[in-house]
Amino acid sequence: MTASLVSARRLIDRNGSDGPGWALMEDGRLADSGPGEAPRRPDREVDTLLPGFVDAHVHGARGVDFATPGADPAAAIAWHAGRGSVALVASLATGTLDDTRTRLAELAPLVRSGVLAGLHLEGPFLCHGRRGAHNPDLLRDPAPAEIEALLAAGDGAIRMITLAPELPGALDAIPLLVDAGVRVAVGHTEADADTVSRAIDRGASVMTHLFNGMPPLHHRYPGPVGVGLADERITVELIGDGDHLDDRVLDLALRDCAGRAMLVSDAMAAAGLGDGEYVLAGSEVVVRDGVATVAGTSALAGSTSSVSDAVERLLARGTDPAVVAELTSLTPARALGIEVPPLSVAVAGGRVEVL
């Protein structure tokens, strides 16, 4: 058994601690921790100790798309875990209903065993005009029978479903999903502000990657962005890779959505592989200089980064580590109804390391 005692100038954990502290790791797992001075001379010292990251919106990595039936997700899970994201909600982009049901049934045991924190359906109930990389031929309006079939295939493992609330039947579907224990996220939508507010009234509680996949904020027509910034009932996802959001826009969201914002990677299969040509949600995707776009367009198609990349960008810009803990662990765990992961991430010299 390999043991390592790590001391930190600042330990921020799920119990509300925020001050000097230490953690004892045994074989990569937290064995003990506490505030104040370490019980013996530490094996290493770091700036900050944080809970492991929760990534609530991630499509894969290392050539693995979580939505592909039969694909072994282990390499993608390991890649993100190696960067601090120890709790993943595997996002399945739009596919055929048969493929999606098959994949839900394949991944559900990994949720029950704790390998995954849940499953997220990003599609097929999305708006054509804001579909991003999702195959337009596979998008559809939510129908009760199809929703029931997806829930049955997931067998309790579906943690969240993204839908466009302006679609026929969408507002009626929201309470059905909420009653089944599923978080409803508003996203890939052209809904006006009133429709988004009605969706929240009916139980929607998350906004999928705020600003992306929706109309821009307009001073007379606030739309989803305006509601996301103003309505304290909803938790907003933010992709902090530097490509999806300008830093000034990210700062605006962090200020207006303090305590209800969470960083997500939206990483697709190209994460960890580099530039090239890939497929996401039935669309050809080109990655150049680490930026994924739908082939032949400038439309972004997910990211090739991890939550840790966004964290390092925030730290470099002076963000308090306590805010980082909120964005990466406390808020997403609360929004998804899961436990905050134990201490498993260190920050040293502005870089994220896994303990």
Protein backbone atom coordinates (compact mmCIF):
# COMPACT_ATOMS: atom_id res chain seq x y z
CA MET A 1 0.00 0.00 0.00
CA THR A 2 1.34 3.42 -1.02
CA ALA A 3 0.61 6.26 1.40
CA SER A 4 1.31 9.96 1.01
CA LEU A 5 0.68 12.80 3.44
CA VAL A 6 -0.02 16.12 1.73
CA SER A 7 -0.24 19.44 3.53
CA ALA A 8 -1.80 22.56 2.07
CA ARG A 9 -1.85 26.23 2.91
CA ARG A 10 -5.55 25.98 2.14
CA LEU A 11 -7.88 22.98 2.36
CA ILE A 12 -11.40 23.47 0.98
CA ASP A 13 -13.66 20.46 1.44
CA ARG A 14 -17.29 19.43 1.29
CA ASN A 15 -17.71 20.02 5.03
CA GLY A 16 -17.09 23.74 4.75
CA SER A 17 -13.46 23.78 5.84
CA ASP A 18 -11.34 26.58 4.39
CA GLY A 19 -7.91 27.02 5.92
CA PRO A 20 -4.61 25.17 6.43
CA GLY A 21 -5.01 21.43 6.35
CA TRP A 22 -3.75 18.07 5.27
CA ALA A 23 -4.82 14.89 3.53
CA LEU A 24 -3.55 11.35 3.82
CA MET A 25 -3.82 9.45 0.55
CA GLU A 26 -3.54 5.67 0.37
CA ASP A 27 -3.38 4.04 -3.06
CA GLY A 28 -4.91 7.12 -4.67
CA ARG A 29 -7.82 7.35 -2.23
CA LEU A 30 -8.46 9.69 0.66
CA ALA A 31 -7.82 7.83 3.91
CA ASP A 32 -7.96 10.76 6.31
CA SER A 33 -7.83 14.55 6.38
CA GLY A 34 -8.13 17.43 8.76
CA PRO A 35 -7.64 21.12 9.39
CA GLY A 36 -4.49 22.64 10.80
CA GLU A 37 -1.00 21.21 11.00
CA ALA A 38 -0.32 17.77 9.52
CA PRO A 39 0.10 14.96 12.11
CA ARG A 40 3.67 14.32 10.92
CA ARG A 41 6.12 15.76 8.46
CA PRO A 42 4.28 15.81 5.13
CA ASP A 43 5.57 14.06 2.05
CA ARG A 44 4.70 17.13 -0.03
CA GLU A 45 3.23 20.58 0.30
CA VAL A 46 0.76 22.23 -2.09
CA ASP A 47 -1.09 25.51 -2.32
CA THR A 48 -4.65 24.14 -2.12
CA LEU A 49 -6.52 20.87 -1.67
CA LEU A 50 -9.94 20.62 -3.33
CA PRO A 51 -12.71 18.04 -3.72
CA GLY A 52 -12.66 16.07 -6.96
CA PHE A 53 -14.40 17.68 -9.88
CA VAL A 54 -17.93 16.82 -11.02
CA ASP A 55 -18.36 17.13 -14.80
CA ALA A 56 -22.08 17.26 -15.48
CA HIS A 57 -21.79 17.48 -19.27
CA VAL A 58 -19.14 15.37 -21.02
CA HIS A 59 -19.42 13.35 -24.23
CA GLY A 60 -16.17 11.41 -24.10
CA ALA A 61 -12.42 11.51 -24.76
CA ARG A 62 -9.58 9.47 -26.26
CA GLY A 63 -11.65 8.49 -29.29
CA VAL A 64 -14.60 7.30 -27.21
CA ASP A 65 -18.05 8.82 -27.69
CA PHE A 66 -20.23 7.86 -24.75
CA ALA A 67 -23.25 7.69 -27.07
CA THR A 68 -21.82 4.94 -29.33
CA PRO A 69 -23.41 1.54 -28.67
CA GLY A 70 -20.85 -1.10 -27.80
CA ALA A 71 -18.00 1.35 -27.16
CA ASP A 72 -15.96 0.71 -24.01
CA PRO A 73 -16.06 4.00 -22.04
CA ALA A 74 -13.10 3.12 -19.80
CA ALA A 75 -10.46 5.14 -21.69
CA ALA A 76 -12.57 8.30 -21.66
CA ILE A 77 -13.45 7.92 -17.98
CA ALA A 78 -9.78 7.40 -17.10
CA TRP A 79 -8.66 10.42 -19.13
CA HIS A 80 -11.01 12.75 -17.27
CA ALA A 81 -10.28 11.16 -13.89
CA GLY A 82 -6.58 11.74 -14.51
CA ARG A 83 -7.40 15.44 -14.76
CA GLY A 84 -9.42 15.60 -11.57
CA SER A 85 -12.94 14.92 -12.87
CA VAL A 86 -13.73 11.96 -10.65
CA ALA A 87 -17.53 12.14 -11.10
CA LEU A 88 -18.78 12.13 -14.69
CA VAL A 89 -22.31 12.43 -15.99
CA ALA A 90 -21.91 10.80 -19.40
CA SER A 91 -23.69 12.87 -22.04
CA LEU A 92 -25.30 11.09 -24.96
CA ALA A 93 -25.74 13.33 -27.98
CA THR A 94 -28.66 12.84 -30.37
CA GLY A 95 -28.87 9.41 -31.95
CA THR A 96 -31.61 7.15 -33.19
CA LEU A 97 -34.04 6.16 -30.48
CA ASP A 98 -32.98 2.52 -30.81
CA ASP A 99 -29.28 3.37 -30.45
CA THR A 100 -29.96 5.65 -27.52
CA ARG A 101 -32.03 3.04 -25.70
CA THR A 102 -29.33 0.46 -26.33
CA ARG A 103 -26.61 2.72 -25.01
CA LEU A 104 -28.60 3.70 -21.94
CA ALA A 105 -29.02 0.05 -21.06
CA GLU A 106 -25.29 -0.55 -21.59
CA LEU A 107 -24.17 2.33 -19.38
CA ALA A 108 -26.77 2.05 -16.62
CA PRO A 109 -24.80 -0.65 -14.73
CA LEU A 110 -21.81 1.72 -14.57
CA VAL A 111 -24.02 4.26 -12.83
CA ARG A 112 -25.30 1.70 -10.37
CA SER A 113 -21.72 0.62 -9.58
CA GLY A 114 -20.55 4.21 -9.13
CA VAL A 115 -18.17 4.31 -12.10
CA LEU A 116 -20.36 7.05 -13.61
CA ALA A 117 -22.36 9.62 -11.66
CA GLY A 118 -25.27 9.43 -14.08
CA LEU A 119 -26.33 9.77 -17.69
CA HIS A 120 -27.38 12.90 -19.57
CA LEU A 121 -29.44 12.95 -22.74
CA GLU A 122 -28.54 15.97 -24.85
CA GLY A 123 -31.13 15.30 -27.50
CA PRO A 124 -33.16 14.36 -29.40
CA PHE A 125 -35.62 16.98 -28.07
CA LEU A 126 -33.72 20.01 -29.39
CA CYS A 127 -34.47 22.98 -31.63
CA HIS A 128 -33.37 22.61 -35.26
CA GLY A 129 -32.18 26.19 -35.45
CA ARG A 130 -29.86 25.83 -32.46
CA ARG A 131 -28.86 22.21 -32.93
CA GLY A 132 -25.07 22.72 -33.15
CA ALA A 133 -23.51 19.40 -34.18
CA HIS A 134 -26.68 17.38 -33.58
CA ASN A 135 -28.03 15.54 -36.63
CA PRO A 136 -31.13 17.47 -37.77
CA ASP A 137 -32.71 14.30 -39.21
CA LEU A 138 -32.82 12.73 -35.74
CA LEU A 139 -34.30 15.62 -33.78
CA ARG A 140 -37.90 15.22 -32.63
CA ASP A 141 -40.59 16.62 -30.38
CA PRO A 142 -40.93 15.00 -26.95
CA ALA A 143 -43.71 12.41 -26.86
CA PRO A 144 -44.75 10.68 -23.62
CA ALA A 145 -44.35 7.16 -25.03
CA GLU A 146 -40.81 7.84 -26.25
CA ILE A 147 -39.84 9.49 -22.99
CA GLU A 148 -41.15 6.49 -21.06
CA ALA A 149 -39.14 4.16 -23.30
CA LEU A 150 -35.94 6.14 -22.67
CA LEU A 151 -36.55 6.20 -18.93
CA ALA A 152 -37.16 2.47 -18.92
CA ALA A 153 -33.93 1.83 -20.81
CA GLY A 154 -32.01 4.01 -18.38
CA ASP A 155 -33.50 2.14 -15.42
CA GLY A 156 -32.95 5.02 -13.00
CA ALA A 157 -29.54 6.04 -14.36
CA ILE A 158 -30.65 9.11 -16.31
CA ARG A 159 -29.66 12.11 -14.24
CA MET A 160 -30.54 14.88 -16.69
CA ILE A 161 -32.22 15.55 -20.04
CA THR A 162 -31.72 18.68 -22.13
CA LEU A 163 -34.69 19.89 -24.12
CA ALA A 164 -35.92 22.97 -25.96
CA PRO A 165 -39.02 24.12 -24.07
CA GLU A 166 -40.68 25.70 -27.14
CA LEU A 167 -41.12 22.30 -28.82
CA PRO A 168 -44.66 20.88 -28.90
CA GLY A 169 -45.17 18.78 -25.78
CA ALA A 170 -41.98 19.97 -24.06
CA LEU A 171 -43.61 21.92 -21.23
CA ASP A 172 -45.89 18.98 -20.47
CA ALA A 173 -42.90 16.62 -20.49
CA ILE A 174 -40.99 18.55 -17.85
CA PRO A 175 -43.06 17.53 -14.79
CA LEU A 176 -43.13 13.93 -16.03
CA LEU A 177 -39.32 13.89 -16.09
CA VAL A 178 -38.98 15.67 -12.76
CA ASP A 179 -41.39 13.19 -11.14
CA ALA A 180 -39.13 10.43 -12.47
CA GLY A 181 -36.14 11.96 -10.69
CA VAL A 182 -34.60 13.49 -13.81
CA ARG A 183 -33.18 17.02 -13.88
CA VAL A 184 -34.50 18.95 -16.86
CA ALA A 185 -32.07 21.31 -18.56
CA VAL A 186 -33.09 24.05 -20.98
CA GLY A 187 -30.81 24.12 -23.98
CA HIS A 188 -30.34 24.11 -27.75
CA THR A 189 -33.33 26.39 -27.87
CA GLU A 190 -34.78 29.50 -29.47
CA ALA A 191 -37.42 29.93 -26.78
CA ASP A 192 -38.37 33.41 -25.63
CA ALA A 193 -37.90 34.46 -22.02
CA ASP A 194 -41.51 33.77 -21.05
CA THR A 195 -41.33 30.20 -22.34
CA VAL A 196 -38.07 29.57 -20.50
CA SER A 197 -39.61 30.94 -17.32
CA ARG A 198 -42.61 28.65 -17.74
CA ALA A 199 -40.23 25.73 -18.12
CA ILE A 200 -38.60 26.68 -14.81
CA ASP A 201 -42.02 27.04 -13.21
CA ARG A 202 -42.73 23.45 -14.26
CA GLY A 203 -39.47 22.13 -12.82
CA ALA A 204 -36.57 22.79 -15.20
CA SER A 205 -33.54 23.46 -12.99
CA VAL A 206 -30.46 23.61 -15.25
CA MET A 207 -29.47 25.60 -18.33
CA THR A 208 -27.25 23.70 -20.75
CA HIS A 209 -24.04 25.61 -21.58
CA LEU A 210 -25.35 29.14 -21.05
CA PHE A 211 -24.84 31.41 -24.10
CA ASN A 212 -24.07 28.47 -26.40
CA GLY A 213 -26.85 26.83 -28.42
CA MET A 214 -29.27 29.73 -27.87
CA PRO A 215 -29.88 33.28 -29.17
CA PRO A 216 -27.58 36.00 -27.87
CA LEU A 217 -28.79 38.38 -25.20
CA HIS A 218 -30.86 41.26 -26.59
CA HIS A 219 -31.85 44.26 -24.52
CA ARG A 220 -35.55 43.93 -25.46
CA TYR A 221 -35.71 40.16 -25.99
CA PRO A 222 -33.69 38.59 -23.17
CA GLY A 223 -34.38 35.01 -24.23
CA PRO A 224 -32.74 32.06 -22.46
CA VAL A 225 -29.57 34.00 -21.65
CA GLY A 226 -31.45 36.74 -19.85
CA VAL A 227 -33.41 34.23 -17.80
CA GLY A 228 -30.29 32.23 -17.03
CA LEU A 229 -28.51 35.29 -15.72
CA ALA A 230 -31.45 36.60 -13.70
CA ASP A 231 -33.49 33.65 -12.40
CA GLU A 232 -31.99 32.31 -9.18
CA ARG A 233 -33.95 29.06 -9.46
CA ILE A 234 -31.78 27.71 -12.25
CA THR A 235 -28.21 26.38 -12.26
CA VAL A 236 -26.21 27.32 -15.34
CA GLU A 237 -23.50 25.34 -17.11
CA LEU A 238 -20.48 27.29 -18.32
CA ILE A 239 -17.83 26.00 -20.73
CA GLY A 240 -14.67 27.76 -19.61
CA ASP A 241 -12.24 26.58 -22.28
CA GLY A 242 -11.64 30.08 -23.65
CA ASP A 243 -13.26 29.25 -26.99
CA HIS A 244 -16.95 28.94 -26.12
CA LEU A 245 -17.04 32.10 -23.99
CA ASP A 246 -15.02 35.28 -24.00
CA ASP A 247 -13.45 35.83 -20.58
CA ARG A 248 -15.50 39.00 -20.06
CA VAL A 249 -18.71 37.08 -20.73
CA LEU A 250 -17.58 34.32 -18.39
CA ASP A 251 -16.91 36.95 -15.71
CA LEU A 252 -20.41 38.36 -16.21
CA ALA A 253 -21.95 34.92 -15.71
CA LEU A 254 -19.80 34.14 -12.69
CA ARG A 255 -20.87 37.42 -11.09
CA ASP A 256 -24.59 37.18 -11.86
CA CYS A 257 -24.86 33.44 -11.25
CA ALA A 258 -22.66 33.20 -8.15
CA GLY A 259 -23.50 30.05 -6.21
CA ARG A 260 -25.50 28.52 -9.07
CA ALA A 261 -22.93 28.18 -11.86
CA MET A 262 -20.98 25.05 -12.69
CA LEU A 263 -18.06 24.46 -15.02
CA VAL A 264 -18.55 21.69 -17.57
CA SER A 265 -16.14 20.41 -20.18
CA ASP A 266 -18.60 19.42 -22.96
CA ALA A 267 -15.61 17.35 -24.07
CA MET A 268 -16.11 15.17 -27.13
CA ALA A 269 -14.24 12.12 -28.41
CA ALA A 270 -11.30 14.16 -29.72
CA ALA A 271 -10.28 15.23 -26.22
CA GLY A 272 -6.83 13.83 -25.54
CA LEU A 273 -6.14 12.98 -29.19
CA GLY A 274 -5.27 16.26 -30.92
CA ASP A 275 -6.29 17.72 -34.24
CA GLY A 276 -8.08 15.66 -36.86
CA GLU A 277 -11.49 14.67 -38.19
CA TYR A 278 -14.13 13.12 -35.95
CA VAL A 279 -17.88 12.46 -35.69
CA LEU A 280 -20.19 13.85 -33.02
CA ALA A 281 -23.94 13.35 -32.91
CA GLY A 282 -23.96 12.22 -36.52
CA SER A 283 -22.05 15.26 -37.81
CA GLU A 284 -18.52 15.44 -39.14
CA VAL A 285 -16.31 17.49 -36.84
CA VAL A 286 -12.94 19.01 -37.57
CA VAL A 287 -10.48 19.81 -34.79
CA ARG A 288 -7.86 22.44 -35.57
CA ASP A 289 -5.60 23.94 -32.91
CA GLY A 290 -7.71 22.17 -30.32
CA VAL A 291 -10.98 23.80 -31.40
CA ALA A 292 -13.78 21.48 -32.61
CA THR A 293 -16.17 22.79 -35.26
CA VAL A 294 -18.81 21.21 -37.48
CA ALA A 295 -17.10 20.46 -40.79
CA GLY A 296 -17.51 23.29 -43.30
CA THR A 297 -18.87 25.73 -40.70
CA SER A 298 -17.68 27.87 -37.81
CA ALA A 299 -20.17 26.27 -35.40
CA LEU A 300 -18.50 24.88 -32.29
CA ALA A 301 -18.98 21.16 -31.71
CA GLY A 302 -18.16 20.54 -28.07
CA SER A 303 -14.68 20.97 -26.66
CA THR A 304 -11.42 19.05 -26.47
CA SER A 305 -10.64 20.17 -22.93
CA SER A 306 -11.28 19.00 -19.39
CA VAL A 307 -12.71 20.84 -16.40
CA SER A 308 -9.15 21.16 -15.08
CA ASP A 309 -8.19 23.24 -18.12
CA ALA A 310 -10.94 25.73 -17.28
CA VAL A 311 -9.86 25.75 -13.64
CA GLU A 312 -6.27 26.58 -14.54
CA ARG A 313 -7.46 29.44 -16.76
CA LEU A 314 -9.53 30.83 -13.88
CA LEU A 315 -6.70 30.48 -11.38
CA ALA A 316 -4.35 32.29 -13.75
CA ARG A 317 -6.84 35.17 -13.77
CA GLY A 318 -6.93 35.36 -9.99
CA THR A 319 -10.10 33.40 -9.18
CA ASP A 320 -10.33 32.37 -5.53
CA PRO A 321 -9.97 28.60 -5.03
CA ALA A 322 -13.15 28.66 -2.93
CA VAL A 323 -15.02 29.83 -6.02
CA VAL A 324 -13.36 27.02 -7.98
CA ALA A 325 -14.65 24.50 -5.45
CA GLU A 326 -18.17 25.89 -5.87
CA LEU A 327 -17.98 25.77 -9.67
CA THR A 328 -16.48 22.32 -9.99
CA SER A 329 -17.79 20.31 -7.04
CA LEU A 330 -20.28 21.87 -4.64
CA THR A 331 -22.72 23.41 -7.12
CA PRO A 332 -22.80 20.55 -9.67
CA ALA A 333 -23.24 17.98 -6.91
CA ARG A 334 -26.11 19.99 -5.46
CA ALA A 335 -27.71 20.52 -8.88
CA LEU A 336 -27.51 16.83 -9.75
CA GLY A 337 -28.40 15.46 -6.34
CA ILE A 338 -25.16 13.55 -5.82
CA GLU A 339 -22.49 13.58 -3.11
CA VAL A 340 -19.60 16.02 -3.32
CA PRO A 341 -16.49 13.96 -4.09
CA PRO A 342 -13.81 13.66 -1.42
CA LEU A 343 -10.54 15.59 -1.53
CA SER A 344 -8.60 14.37 -4.56
CA VAL A 345 -7.27 17.46 -6.36
CA ALA A 346 -4.30 19.63 -5.51
CA VAL A 347 -3.36 23.04 -6.87
CA ALA A 348 0.34 23.76 -6.94
CA GLY A 349 1.82 26.71 -8.79
CA GLY A 350 -1.48 27.33 -10.55
CA ARG A 351 -1.59 23.83 -11.99
CA VAL A 352 -4.15 21.14 -11.20
CA GLU A 353 -2.79 17.81 -10.03
CA VAL A 354 -4.55 14.62 -9.00
CA LEU A 355 -3.52 13.34 -5.59
